[in-house]
Protein backbone atom coordinates (compact mmCIF):
# COMPACT_ATOMS: atom_id res chain seq x y z
CA MET A 1 0.01 0.08 0.13
CA GLU A 2 1.07 3.57 -0.57
CA TYR A 3 0.63 6.65 1.54
CA THR A 4 1.66 10.33 1.42
CA ALA A 5 4.19 11.76 3.89
CA ILE A 6 4.34 15.36 4.25
CA VAL A 7 7.97 16.23 5.28
CA LYS A 8 9.63 19.24 6.58
CA HIS A 9 13.19 19.97 7.66
CA CYS A 10 12.99 22.36 10.55
CA ASP A 11 16.42 23.46 12.09
CA GLU A 12 18.13 20.04 13.26
CA TRP A 13 14.90 18.16 12.86
CA TRP A 14 13.02 16.24 10.26
CA ILE A 15 9.24 16.29 10.96
CA GLY A 16 6.67 14.10 9.08
CA TRP A 17 2.98 13.25 8.80
CA ILE A 18 1.08 10.78 7.01
CA GLU A 19 -1.40 12.64 5.04
CA GLU A 20 -4.06 10.01 4.98
CA VAL A 21 -4.14 8.89 8.53
CA PRO A 22 -4.66 11.45 11.38
CA GLY A 23 -2.25 10.99 14.27
CA VAL A 24 0.67 9.37 12.49
CA ASN A 25 3.43 11.74 12.72
CA CYS A 26 7.05 11.67 13.95
CA GLN A 27 10.27 13.65 14.45
CA GLU A 28 13.75 12.62 13.74
CA ARG A 29 17.27 13.90 13.36
CA THR A 30 17.73 12.51 9.87
CA HIS A 31 15.50 12.15 6.83
CA GLU A 32 16.03 8.45 6.44
CA GLU A 33 15.16 8.04 10.30
CA LEU A 34 12.05 9.92 9.66
CA ARG A 35 10.95 7.67 6.72
CA ARG A 36 11.68 4.70 8.82
CA SER A 37 9.62 5.86 11.91
CA LEU A 38 6.81 7.11 9.94
CA ALA A 39 6.51 3.65 8.26
CA GLU A 40 6.68 1.96 11.74
CA ALA A 41 4.06 4.37 13.22
CA LEU A 42 1.83 3.90 10.14
CA THR A 43 2.00 -0.10 10.39
CA GLU A 44 1.34 0.23 14.07
CA ALA A 45 -1.71 2.59 13.55
CA LEU A 46 -3.15 0.47 10.66
CA GLU A 47 -2.82 -2.83 12.95
CA PHE A 48 -4.47 -0.98 15.89
CA ASN A 49 -7.26 0.23 13.76
CA ARG A 50 -7.78 -3.27 12.09
CA GLN A 51 -7.96 -4.64 15.69
CA ASP A 52 -10.37 -1.91 16.96
CA ALA A 53 -12.71 -2.57 13.90
CA LEU A 54 -12.71 -6.32 14.31
CA ALA A 55 -13.44 -5.97 18.02
CA ALA A 56 -16.49 -3.55 17.29
CA ALA A 57 -17.79 -5.90 14.54
CA GLY A 58 -17.86 -8.77 16.71
CA ASP A 59 -19.01 -12.06 15.05
CA ASP A 60 -20.59 -12.91 11.73
CA TYR A 61 -18.91 -10.07 9.67
CA SER A 62 -17.37 -9.80 6.14
CA GLU A 63 -14.21 -8.03 4.96
CA GLU A 64 -14.70 -6.23 1.62
CA LYS A 65 -12.26 -4.21 -0.48
CA VAL A 66 -13.10 -0.37 -0.99
CA ILE A 67 -11.52 1.50 -3.84
CA VAL A 68 -11.05 5.13 -3.83
CA ALA A 69 -10.61 7.02 -7.30
């Protein structure tokens, strides 16, 4: 899957946000560290959201793909 990172270099820090997922943001000393941290934070957020959705659905649910154009 592909997401968009908004990245900014500010003084000694690199700051980034994942555009499509509120709350996924990081701050690191290097650009590469920032990209790695954003990927880890995004992975954790998606898994948390998935587990939360599955718990809310309870039993007898289906999973369906949704495509956004």
